[in-house]
Amino acid sequence: MTPVHFAFSSAFILGLTGLAFHRTHLLSALLCLEGMMLSLFMALSLWTVQLNATSLCAAPMLLLAFSACEASAGLALLVATARTHGTDHLQSLNLLQC
């Protein structure tokens, strides 16, 4: 495994562990998701350049577009949660309450 591949895979794993273990705020969960998507984008871009495959050159841009949509939906949920509950703590969210 090259150092570049190790860096991208470790960035993804760090984002995943941050998402799994530090779930106090919704904003920290969204930042961990964005870090994971950024590492996936960089790895996919590097992979298409290394393979020199022109048929896969649209895949990183498509992933980046989905990542932007995910970020905007996450921020909309963050604003809605902060307005209704007054905080972004994940402990205050309950699926059983309306």
N, C-alpha and C. Protein backbone atom coordinates (compact mmCIF):
# COMPACT_ATOMS: atom_id res chain seq x y z
N MET A 1 0.85 -1.17 0.00
CA MET A 1 0.00 0.00 0.00
C MET A 1 0.90 1.24 0.00
N THR A 2 0.65 2.12 -0.93
CA THR A 2 1.45 3.34 -1.02
C THR A 2 1.05 4.31 0.09
N PRO A 3 1.92 5.25 0.39
CA PRO A 3 1.56 6.23 1.44
C PRO A 3 0.34 7.08 1.10
N VAL A 4 0.11 7.32 -0.18
CA VAL A 4 -1.06 8.12 -0.57
C VAL A 4 -2.34 7.33 -0.31
N HIS A 5 -2.33 6.05 -0.67
CA HIS A 5 -3.50 5.22 -0.41
C HIS A 5 -3.73 5.05 1.09
N PHE A 6 -2.63 4.93 1.83
CA PHE A 6 -2.75 4.83 3.28
C PHE A 6 -3.36 6.10 3.88
N ALA A 7 -2.96 7.26 3.35
CA ALA A 7 -3.49 8.52 3.87
C ALA A 7 -4.99 8.64 3.60
N PHE A 8 -5.44 8.27 2.40
CA PHE A 8 -6.86 8.36 2.09
C PHE A 8 -7.69 7.35 2.88
N SER A 9 -7.17 6.15 3.01
CA SER A 9 -7.92 5.15 3.78
C SER A 9 -7.95 5.48 5.26
N SER A 10 -6.86 6.01 5.78
CA SER A 10 -6.86 6.39 7.21
C SER A 10 -7.75 7.60 7.44
N ALA A 11 -7.84 8.53 6.49
CA ALA A 11 -8.76 9.67 6.64
C ALA A 11 -10.20 9.19 6.65
N PHE A 12 -10.52 8.21 5.81
CA PHE A 12 -11.87 7.66 5.80
C PHE A 12 -12.17 6.94 7.11
N ILE A 13 -11.23 6.16 7.60
CA ILE A 13 -11.43 5.42 8.85
C ILE A 13 -11.54 6.37 10.04
N LEU A 14 -10.77 7.46 10.03
CA LEU A 14 -10.88 8.45 11.11
C LEU A 14 -12.24 9.13 11.09
N GLY A 15 -12.75 9.44 9.91
CA GLY A 15 -14.09 10.01 9.82
C GLY A 15 -15.15 9.05 10.29
N LEU A 16 -14.98 7.79 9.96
CA LEU A 16 -15.93 6.76 10.38
C LEU A 16 -15.91 6.56 11.89
N THR A 17 -14.73 6.53 12.48
CA THR A 17 -14.67 6.38 13.93
C THR A 17 -15.19 7.63 14.65
N GLY A 18 -14.94 8.79 14.06
CA GLY A 18 -15.50 10.01 14.64
C GLY A 18 -17.01 10.01 14.59
N LEU A 19 -17.57 9.49 13.51
CA LEU A 19 -19.02 9.39 13.40
C LEU A 19 -19.58 8.36 14.36
N ALA A 20 -18.84 7.29 14.59
CA ALA A 20 -19.33 6.22 15.46
C ALA A 20 -19.23 6.56 16.94
N PHE A 21 -18.16 7.25 17.35
CA PHE A 21 -17.92 7.43 18.77
C PHE A 21 -18.24 8.81 19.33
N HIS A 22 -18.23 9.84 18.51
CA HIS A 22 -18.47 11.20 18.99
C HIS A 22 -19.79 11.71 18.44
N ARG A 23 -20.87 11.18 18.97
CA ARG A 23 -22.20 11.53 18.47
C ARG A 23 -22.93 12.42 19.44
N THR A 24 -22.31 13.51 19.89
CA THR A 24 -23.01 14.39 20.81
C THR A 24 -23.76 15.49 20.06
N HIS A 25 -23.17 16.04 19.03
CA HIS A 25 -23.79 17.12 18.28
C HIS A 25 -24.06 16.67 16.85
N LEU A 26 -25.12 17.21 16.28
CA LEU A 26 -25.43 16.91 14.89
C LEU A 26 -24.40 17.52 13.95
N LEU A 27 -23.87 18.67 14.32
CA LEU A 27 -22.86 19.31 13.49
C LEU A 27 -21.58 18.49 13.40
N SER A 28 -21.17 17.86 14.49
CA SER A 28 -19.96 17.02 14.44
C SER A 28 -20.20 15.78 13.59
N ALA A 29 -21.41 15.24 13.62
CA ALA A 29 -21.72 14.09 12.76
C ALA A 29 -21.68 14.49 11.29
N LEU A 30 -22.20 15.68 10.99
CA LEU A 30 -22.17 16.15 9.60
C LEU A 30 -20.75 16.42 9.13
N LEU A 31 -19.91 16.94 10.02
CA LEU A 31 -18.51 17.17 9.64
C LEU A 31 -17.77 15.87 9.40
N CYS A 32 -18.05 14.85 10.18
CA CYS A 32 -17.44 13.54 9.97
C CYS A 32 -17.88 12.95 8.63
N LEU A 33 -19.17 13.11 8.30
CA LEU A 33 -19.65 12.64 7.00
C LEU A 33 -18.98 13.38 5.85
N GLU A 34 -18.78 14.67 6.00
CA GLU A 34 -18.12 15.44 4.95
C GLU A 34 -16.66 15.04 4.80
N GLY A 35 -16.00 14.75 5.91
CA GLY A 35 -14.62 14.27 5.83
C GLY A 35 -14.52 12.93 5.12
N MET A 36 -15.49 12.06 5.38
CA MET A 36 -15.51 10.76 4.70
C MET A 36 -15.74 10.93 3.21
N MET A 37 -16.66 11.81 2.85
CA MET A 37 -16.93 12.04 1.43
C MET A 37 -15.75 12.69 0.73
N LEU A 38 -15.06 13.59 1.42
CA LEU A 38 -13.88 14.22 0.82
C LEU A 38 -12.77 13.21 0.58
N SER A 39 -12.56 12.30 1.51
CA SER A 39 -11.53 11.28 1.31
C SER A 39 -11.93 10.32 0.19
N LEU A 40 -13.22 10.00 0.09
CA LEU A 40 -13.67 9.16 -1.03
C LEU A 40 -13.49 9.87 -2.36
N PHE A 41 -13.78 11.16 -2.40
CA PHE A 41 -13.61 11.92 -3.64
C PHE A 41 -12.16 11.95 -4.07
N MET A 42 -11.27 12.22 -3.13
CA MET A 42 -9.84 12.28 -3.46
C MET A 42 -9.32 10.91 -3.90
N ALA A 43 -9.75 9.85 -3.23
CA ALA A 43 -9.31 8.51 -3.60
C ALA A 43 -9.84 8.11 -4.98
N LEU A 44 -11.10 8.43 -5.25
CA LEU A 44 -11.68 8.10 -6.55
C LEU A 44 -11.03 8.91 -7.67
N SER A 45 -10.71 10.17 -7.40
CA SER A 45 -10.02 10.98 -8.40
C SER A 45 -8.63 10.44 -8.69
N LEU A 46 -7.93 10.06 -7.64
CA LEU A 46 -6.59 9.49 -7.82
C LEU A 46 -6.65 8.17 -8.55
N TRP A 47 -7.67 7.38 -8.27
CA TRP A 47 -7.82 6.08 -8.91
C TRP A 47 -8.07 6.23 -10.41
N THR A 48 -8.91 7.19 -10.81
CA THR A 48 -9.17 7.38 -12.23
C THR A 48 -7.96 7.94 -12.95
N VAL A 49 -7.15 8.75 -12.28
CA VAL A 49 -5.94 9.26 -12.91
C VAL A 49 -4.90 8.15 -13.06
N GLN A 50 -4.77 7.30 -12.05
CA GLN A 50 -3.78 6.23 -12.11
C GLN A 50 -4.14 5.19 -13.17
N LEU A 51 -5.44 4.91 -13.31
CA LEU A 51 -5.85 3.92 -14.31
C LEU A 51 -5.89 4.50 -15.72
N ASN A 52 -5.88 5.83 -15.81
CA ASN A 52 -5.96 6.52 -17.09
C ASN A 52 -7.20 6.08 -17.87
N ALA A 53 -8.29 5.96 -17.14
CA ALA A 53 -9.56 5.53 -17.74
C ALA A 53 -10.43 6.75 -17.98
N THR A 54 -10.71 7.03 -19.25
CA THR A 54 -11.54 8.19 -19.57
C THR A 54 -13.02 7.92 -19.32
N SER A 55 -13.40 6.65 -19.25
CA SER A 55 -14.80 6.34 -19.01
C SER A 55 -15.20 6.58 -17.56
N LEU A 56 -14.22 6.63 -16.64
CA LEU A 56 -14.51 6.83 -15.22
C LEU A 56 -14.27 8.26 -14.77
N CYS A 57 -14.00 9.18 -15.68
CA CYS A 57 -13.64 10.53 -15.26
C CYS A 57 -14.84 11.30 -14.71
N ALA A 58 -16.06 10.89 -15.00
CA ALA A 58 -17.23 11.58 -14.47
C ALA A 58 -17.63 11.09 -13.08
N ALA A 59 -17.10 9.98 -12.65
CA ALA A 59 -17.47 9.41 -11.35
C ALA A 59 -17.09 10.31 -10.17
N PRO A 60 -15.90 10.91 -10.12
CA PRO A 60 -15.61 11.81 -8.99
C PRO A 60 -16.52 13.04 -8.95
N MET A 61 -16.86 13.57 -10.11
CA MET A 61 -17.74 14.73 -10.13
C MET A 61 -19.16 14.36 -9.70
N LEU A 62 -19.59 13.17 -10.06
CA LEU A 62 -20.90 12.71 -9.62
C LEU A 62 -20.92 12.50 -8.10
N LEU A 63 -19.85 11.94 -7.57
CA LEU A 63 -19.74 11.77 -6.12
C LEU A 63 -19.72 13.11 -5.41
N LEU A 64 -19.03 14.09 -6.00
CA LEU A 64 -18.98 15.42 -5.42
C LEU A 64 -20.34 16.10 -5.44
N ALA A 65 -21.11 15.88 -6.50
CA ALA A 65 -22.46 16.44 -6.58
C ALA A 65 -23.37 15.83 -5.52
N PHE A 66 -23.29 14.52 -5.34
CA PHE A 66 -24.08 13.87 -4.30
C PHE A 66 -23.64 14.32 -2.91
N SER A 67 -22.35 14.57 -2.73
CA SER A 67 -21.85 15.05 -1.46
C SER A 67 -22.38 16.44 -1.15
N ALA A 68 -22.46 17.30 -2.17
CA ALA A 68 -23.01 18.64 -1.95
C ALA A 68 -24.49 18.57 -1.61
N CYS A 69 -25.22 17.66 -2.24
CA CYS A 69 -26.64 17.49 -1.91
C CYS A 69 -26.81 16.97 -0.49
N GLU A 70 -25.95 16.07 -0.09
CA GLU A 70 -26.01 15.53 1.27
C GLU A 70 -25.68 16.60 2.30
N ALA A 71 -24.73 17.47 1.97
CA ALA A 71 -24.37 18.55 2.89
C ALA A 71 -25.50 19.56 3.03
N SER A 72 -26.15 19.89 1.93
CA SER A 72 -27.24 20.86 2.02
C SER A 72 -28.43 20.28 2.77
N ALA A 73 -28.73 19.01 2.56
CA ALA A 73 -29.82 18.38 3.32
C ALA A 73 -29.47 18.29 4.80
N GLY A 74 -28.24 18.00 5.12
CA GLY A 74 -27.81 17.93 6.51
C GLY A 74 -27.88 19.29 7.20
N LEU A 75 -27.48 20.35 6.49
CA LEU A 75 -27.56 21.67 7.09
C LEU A 75 -29.00 22.13 7.26
N ALA A 76 -29.87 21.74 6.32
CA ALA A 76 -31.29 22.07 6.47
C ALA A 76 -31.88 21.35 7.69
N LEU A 77 -31.50 20.10 7.89
CA LEU A 77 -31.95 19.38 9.09
C LEU A 77 -31.38 19.98 10.37
N LEU A 78 -30.15 20.46 10.29
CA LEU A 78 -29.53 21.08 11.46
C LEU A 78 -30.26 22.36 11.84
N VAL A 79 -30.61 23.19 10.85
CA VAL A 79 -31.32 24.42 11.13
C VAL A 79 -32.73 24.13 11.65
N ALA A 80 -33.41 23.16 11.05
CA ALA A 80 -34.75 22.81 11.51
C ALA A 80 -34.73 22.25 12.92
N THR A 81 -33.74 21.45 13.24
CA THR A 81 -33.62 20.89 14.58
C THR A 81 -33.30 21.98 15.60
N ALA A 82 -32.42 22.89 15.22
CA ALA A 82 -32.07 23.98 16.14
C ALA A 82 -33.26 24.90 16.38
N ARG A 83 -34.09 25.08 15.39
CA ARG A 83 -35.26 25.94 15.58
C ARG A 83 -36.33 25.27 16.43
N THR A 84 -36.55 23.99 16.24
CA THR A 84 -37.63 23.33 16.97
C THR A 84 -37.21 22.91 18.37
N HIS A 85 -35.99 22.40 18.53
CA HIS A 85 -35.55 21.88 19.82
C HIS A 85 -34.66 22.86 20.59
N GLY A 86 -34.13 23.85 19.92
CA GLY A 86 -33.28 24.83 20.58
C GLY A 86 -31.83 24.40 20.72
N THR A 87 -31.48 23.20 20.30
CA THR A 87 -30.12 22.70 20.40
C THR A 87 -29.89 21.68 19.30
N ASP A 88 -28.62 21.37 19.08
CA ASP A 88 -28.31 20.34 18.08
C ASP A 88 -27.78 19.07 18.72
N HIS A 89 -28.01 18.90 20.02
CA HIS A 89 -27.60 17.67 20.70
C HIS A 89 -28.43 16.50 20.17
N LEU A 90 -27.76 15.43 19.88
CA LEU A 90 -28.48 14.26 19.38
C LEU A 90 -29.23 13.55 20.50
N GLN A 91 -28.89 13.81 21.75
CA GLN A 91 -29.60 13.21 22.87
C GLN A 91 -31.01 13.76 23.02
N SER A 92 -31.21 15.00 22.58
CA SER A 92 -32.53 15.62 22.73
C SER A 92 -33.51 15.19 21.64
N LEU A 93 -33.02 14.55 20.61
CA LEU A 93 -33.91 14.08 19.54
C LEU A 93 -34.50 12.74 19.92
N ASN A 94 -35.80 12.61 19.80
CA ASN A 94 -36.49 11.38 20.13
C ASN A 94 -37.45 11.07 19.00
N LEU A 95 -37.38 9.87 18.48
CA LEU A 95 -38.26 9.49 17.37
C LEU A 95 -39.67 9.20 17.84
N LEU A 96 -39.87 8.99 19.13
CA LEU A 96 -41.20 8.64 19.63
C LEU A 96 -42.04 9.89 19.88
N GLN A 97 -41.42 11.07 19.93
CA GLN A 97 -42.17 12.30 20.10
C GLN A 97 -42.47 12.91 18.75
N CYS A 98 -43.58 13.61 18.66
CA CYS A 98 -43.93 14.30 17.43
C CYS A 98 -43.51 15.75 17.52
